[in-house]
Amino acid sequence: MSLLLEQGFNIKRGQEVSFQKWIADNDAALKESTPPGVEFLGAYVVAMTSEKQAGEYRTLLRLESFATFDEMHELNRDEKGEWGRLNRELTEFLDAPIGAAYSFSVYRPLIGAVLWDVS
């Protein structure tokens, strides 16, 4: 099974260009440092959306399974690891006060998903 993880967020005002540069400088390291079963697909600025509170930016990751959430969590805790360091640096750019625009979605492939008719 392959899952897609989409995270939406805003960047602190006045930090947009610095964030873009940080992503450009660290994109390869983000892709190389992911835990097994995780693929960092990239960071994106939203060009069009109907979502009002999902943030202006997105990160997309492909996950092998739900178990990879635990692996990512453990690597984020690792003070010396590259994945954790990069995630801590990235979050310094986030505009994340309580109630801020944010989104978190996990998508499962429709083919093979457990479904039933709802009446």
Protein backbone atom coordinates (compact mmCIF):
# COMPACT_ATOMS: atom_id res chain seq x y z
CA MET A 1 0.00 0.00 0.00
CA SER A 2 1.15 3.53 -0.66
CA LEU A 3 -0.19 6.54 1.25
CA LEU A 4 0.18 10.22 0.43
CA LEU A 5 0.68 12.69 3.25
CA GLU A 6 -0.14 16.33 2.56
CA GLN A 7 0.66 19.02 5.11
CA GLY A 8 -0.54 22.60 4.56
CA PHE A 9 0.89 25.58 6.41
CA ASN A 10 1.84 29.25 6.26
CA ILE A 11 5.26 30.82 6.50
CA LYS A 12 6.02 33.77 8.78
CA ARG A 13 5.52 37.02 6.88
CA GLY A 14 8.81 38.39 5.60
CA GLN A 15 10.36 34.88 5.55
CA GLU A 16 8.92 33.64 2.24
CA VAL A 17 12.08 34.19 0.17
CA SER A 18 14.30 32.80 2.93
CA PHE A 19 12.07 29.71 3.12
CA GLN A 20 12.26 29.24 -0.65
CA LYS A 21 16.06 29.44 -0.49
CA TRP A 22 16.18 27.04 2.48
CA ILE A 23 14.07 24.51 0.55
CA ALA A 24 16.28 24.89 -2.55
CA ASP A 25 19.40 24.38 -0.42
CA ASN A 26 17.98 21.40 1.50
CA ASP A 27 15.66 19.62 -0.95
CA ALA A 28 18.19 16.89 -1.76
CA ALA A 29 19.04 16.38 1.92
CA LEU A 30 15.33 16.09 2.80
CA LYS A 31 14.90 13.44 0.11
CA GLU A 32 18.02 11.51 1.17
CA SER A 33 17.36 11.58 4.93
CA THR A 34 13.82 10.18 4.98
CA PRO A 35 13.35 6.98 6.92
CA PRO A 36 12.86 3.71 5.05
CA GLY A 37 9.38 3.59 3.56
CA VAL A 38 9.08 7.37 3.24
CA GLU A 39 9.70 9.48 0.15
CA PHE A 40 9.81 13.28 0.42
CA LEU A 41 8.10 14.43 -2.79
CA GLY A 42 8.74 18.10 -2.25
CA ALA A 43 7.54 21.45 -0.93
CA TYR A 44 5.03 23.45 -2.93
CA VAL A 45 3.43 26.87 -2.92
CA VAL A 46 -0.32 26.73 -3.57
CA ALA A 47 -1.21 28.12 -7.00
CA MET A 48 -4.98 27.53 -6.79
CA THR A 49 -7.28 26.13 -4.12
CA SER A 50 -10.78 26.46 -2.73
CA GLU A 51 -9.50 25.79 0.80
CA LYS A 52 -9.55 28.93 2.94
CA GLN A 53 -7.74 27.66 6.05
CA ALA A 54 -5.29 25.08 4.70
CA GLY A 55 -2.25 27.35 4.39
CA GLU A 56 -0.34 28.75 1.44
CA TYR A 57 2.33 26.01 1.27
CA ARG A 58 2.33 22.20 1.17
CA THR A 59 4.75 19.38 1.76
CA LEU A 60 3.99 16.04 0.14
CA LEU A 61 5.36 12.69 1.22
CA ARG A 62 4.72 9.14 0.05
CA LEU A 63 4.50 6.61 2.87
CA GLU A 64 4.73 2.85 2.53
CA SER A 65 2.32 2.24 5.41
CA PHE A 66 0.82 3.79 8.52
CA ALA A 67 3.73 2.31 10.49
CA THR A 68 6.07 4.83 8.85
CA PHE A 69 4.47 7.57 11.00
CA ASP A 70 6.15 5.96 14.01
CA GLU A 71 9.48 5.77 12.19
CA MET A 72 9.30 9.44 11.20
CA HIS A 73 8.40 10.36 14.79
CA GLU A 74 11.43 8.52 16.16
CA LEU A 75 13.78 10.12 13.62
CA ASN A 76 12.40 13.55 14.49
CA ARG A 77 13.41 12.91 18.11
CA ASP A 78 16.97 12.04 17.14
CA GLU A 79 18.96 15.17 18.07
CA LYS A 80 21.90 14.09 15.91
CA GLY A 81 20.02 12.78 12.89
CA GLU A 82 19.72 14.66 9.60
CA TRP A 83 15.94 14.12 9.21
CA GLY A 84 15.23 15.55 12.67
CA ARG A 85 17.59 18.49 12.18
CA LEU A 86 16.02 19.39 8.85
CA ASN A 87 12.50 19.19 10.25
CA ARG A 88 13.41 21.37 13.22
CA GLU A 89 14.95 23.95 10.88
CA LEU A 90 11.92 23.87 8.59
CA THR A 91 9.51 24.47 11.46
CA GLU A 92 11.38 27.67 12.38
CA PHE A 93 9.81 29.20 9.25
CA LEU A 94 6.24 28.17 10.11
CA ASP A 95 3.65 30.72 11.13
CA ALA A 96 1.94 28.43 13.58
CA PRO A 97 0.13 30.28 16.36
CA ILE A 98 -2.87 28.53 17.91
CA GLY A 99 -5.70 28.69 15.41
CA ALA A 100 -3.41 29.31 12.43
CA ALA A 101 -4.25 28.01 8.97
CA TYR A 102 -3.01 24.43 8.73
CA SER A 103 -4.03 21.17 7.12
CA PHE A 104 -3.01 17.54 7.45
CA SER A 105 -4.38 14.91 5.10
CA VAL A 106 -3.48 11.28 4.47
CA TYR A 107 -4.71 9.73 1.23
CA ARG A 108 -5.13 5.99 0.66
CA PRO A 109 -5.43 4.53 -2.87
CA LEU A 110 -9.05 3.99 -3.85
CA ILE A 111 -8.17 0.73 -5.59
CA GLY A 112 -8.01 -1.86 -2.84
CA ALA A 113 -9.60 0.36 -0.18
CA VAL A 114 -12.28 -1.18 2.01
CA LEU A 115 -15.58 0.42 0.95
CA TRP A 116 -19.28 -0.39 1.16
CA ASP A 117 -22.40 1.29 -0.14
CA VAL A 118 -23.95 3.74 2.25
CA SER A 119 -27.68 4.31 2.01
